[in-house]
Amino acid sequence: MDKNKEKRLNRLKRHQRIRRNLTGTPERPRLVVFRSLNNIYGQIIDDISGKTIVSASSNDKDLRDGVKGKSKVEVSAIVGEAIAKKAIEKGIKKIVFDRAGYKYHGRVKSFAESCRKAGLEF
């Protein structure tokens, strides 16, 4: 098996294991992070109704200009701050953080810490 495919499958297994114990409720929705090779995406989801409440990514039109020329870790911090501001505007302060099987390191850590700085509580 290809090494990258194996890594991806291991991450998906970890994500399933984590998701068994994590659910987003209307009072405390789930903030999930997804990182691709070049971009990072965040969604705040209410699992009971199955709806995405807020989302942000490094591809968003309003963020695209602000992230040019920055490192991936810096971009992650910008996206984390943006999603936290949108969540607070919608009245969401407390969330459950879902790292989606990624290690809490690098881009994921930068994303989470900037969300906390902007006012979200995990």
Protein backbone atom coordinates (compact mmCIF):
# COMPACT_ATOMS: atom_id res chain seq x y z
CA MET A 1 0.00 0.00 0.00
CA ASP A 2 1.14 3.52 -0.78
CA LYS A 3 2.59 5.24 2.31
CA ASN A 4 0.42 8.37 1.90
CA LYS A 5 -2.72 6.28 1.55
CA GLU A 6 -1.80 4.37 4.70
CA LYS A 7 -1.26 7.63 6.62
CA ARG A 8 -4.64 8.91 5.45
CA LEU A 9 -6.41 5.70 6.47
CA ASN A 10 -4.75 5.80 9.91
CA ARG A 11 -5.93 9.40 10.37
CA LEU A 12 -9.47 8.43 9.38
CA LYS A 13 -9.43 5.55 11.89
CA ARG A 14 -8.27 7.96 14.62
CA HIS A 15 -11.01 10.40 13.59
CA GLN A 16 -13.69 7.70 13.87
CA ARG A 17 -12.36 6.72 17.29
CA ILE A 18 -12.46 10.34 18.47
CA ARG A 19 -15.92 10.97 16.97
CA ARG A 20 -17.47 8.12 18.98
CA ASN A 21 -17.09 10.28 22.08
CA LEU A 22 -17.59 13.77 20.58
CA THR A 23 -20.92 15.28 19.61
CA GLY A 24 -21.91 18.83 19.01
CA THR A 25 -25.08 20.03 20.71
CA PRO A 26 -26.92 23.32 20.16
CA GLU A 27 -25.47 24.60 23.47
CA ARG A 28 -21.95 23.37 22.71
CA PRO A 29 -21.41 22.74 18.98
CA ARG A 30 -18.42 20.90 17.52
CA LEU A 31 -15.55 22.80 15.88
CA VAL A 32 -13.92 20.50 13.36
CA VAL A 33 -10.70 21.29 11.54
CA PHE A 34 -9.60 19.87 8.19
CA ARG A 35 -6.24 20.50 6.63
CA SER A 36 -5.35 19.81 3.05
CA LEU A 37 -1.88 20.16 1.60
CA ASN A 38 -2.19 23.91 1.03
CA ASN A 39 -5.34 25.06 2.87
CA ILE A 40 -7.09 24.76 6.21
CA TYR A 41 -10.83 24.65 6.83
CA GLY A 42 -12.90 24.99 9.99
CA GLN A 43 -16.60 24.32 10.59
CA ILE A 44 -18.78 24.68 13.64
CA ILE A 45 -21.44 21.97 13.49
CA ASP A 46 -24.56 21.17 15.47
CA ASP A 47 -24.64 17.37 15.18
CA ILE A 48 -28.19 17.01 16.50
CA SER A 49 -29.74 19.05 13.68
CA GLY A 50 -26.93 18.09 11.28
CA LYS A 51 -26.26 21.68 10.25
CA THR A 52 -23.11 23.72 9.80
CA ILE A 53 -23.52 26.92 11.78
CA VAL A 54 -20.29 28.73 10.86
CA SER A 55 -17.40 27.97 8.55
CA ALA A 56 -14.14 29.59 7.48
CA SER A 57 -11.22 28.56 5.34
CA SER A 58 -8.05 29.92 3.84
CA ASN A 59 -9.91 29.88 0.50
CA ASP A 60 -12.58 32.38 1.61
CA LYS A 61 -12.68 35.51 -0.51
CA ASP A 62 -12.42 37.86 2.47
CA LEU A 63 -9.36 36.00 3.86
CA ARG A 64 -7.57 35.18 0.62
CA ASP A 65 -5.76 38.52 0.33
CA GLY A 66 -4.70 38.53 4.00
CA VAL A 67 -3.03 35.13 3.81
CA LYS A 68 -0.88 35.62 0.72
CA GLY A 69 2.81 35.14 1.40
CA LYS A 70 2.33 33.80 4.94
CA SER A 71 3.38 30.40 6.27
CA LYS A 72 0.79 27.66 6.70
CA VAL A 73 0.92 28.01 10.50
CA GLU A 74 0.27 31.77 10.26
CA VAL A 75 -2.60 31.16 7.84
CA SER A 76 -4.09 28.65 10.29
CA ALA A 77 -4.04 31.27 13.04
CA ILE A 78 -5.81 33.79 10.79
CA VAL A 79 -8.51 31.28 9.85
CA GLY A 80 -8.97 30.27 13.50
CA GLU A 81 -9.44 33.89 14.51
CA ALA A 82 -11.93 34.44 11.67
CA ILE A 83 -14.09 31.44 12.60
CA ALA A 84 -14.05 32.47 16.27
CA LYS A 85 -15.26 35.98 15.39
CA LYS A 86 -18.06 34.56 13.21
CA ALA A 87 -19.08 32.16 16.00
CA ILE A 88 -19.20 34.91 18.62
CA GLU A 89 -21.36 37.02 16.27
CA LYS A 90 -23.80 34.07 16.13
CA GLY A 91 -23.79 33.83 19.94
CA ILE A 92 -21.55 30.76 20.28
CA LYS A 93 -18.96 30.95 23.07
CA LYS A 94 -18.44 27.32 24.14
CA ILE A 95 -17.51 24.59 21.70
CA VAL A 96 -16.14 21.05 21.55
CA PHE A 97 -12.89 20.85 19.56
CA ASP A 98 -12.60 18.00 17.05
CA ARG A 99 -9.06 17.70 15.68
CA ALA A 100 -10.25 15.12 13.12
CA GLY A 101 -7.50 12.61 13.83
CA TYR A 102 -4.67 15.09 13.29
CA LYS A 103 -1.97 15.51 15.90
CA TYR A 104 -2.42 18.58 18.11
CA HIS A 105 0.67 20.17 16.62
CA GLY A 106 1.63 22.73 14.01
CA ARG A 107 -1.30 24.03 11.97
CA VAL A 108 -4.00 22.38 14.11
CA LYS A 109 -2.48 23.77 17.31
CA SER A 110 -2.14 27.24 15.78
CA PHE A 111 -5.79 27.11 14.65
CA ALA A 112 -7.04 26.04 18.10
CA GLU A 113 -4.96 28.55 20.05
CA SER A 114 -6.08 31.47 17.88
CA CYS A 115 -9.72 30.41 18.41
CA ARG A 116 -9.12 30.49 22.15
CA LYS A 117 -7.44 33.90 21.98
CA ALA A 118 -10.39 35.28 20.01
CA GLY A 119 -12.80 34.23 22.77
CA LEU A 120 -13.99 30.66 22.19
CA GLU A 121 -13.95 28.26 25.15
CA PHE A 122 -13.16 24.57 24.70
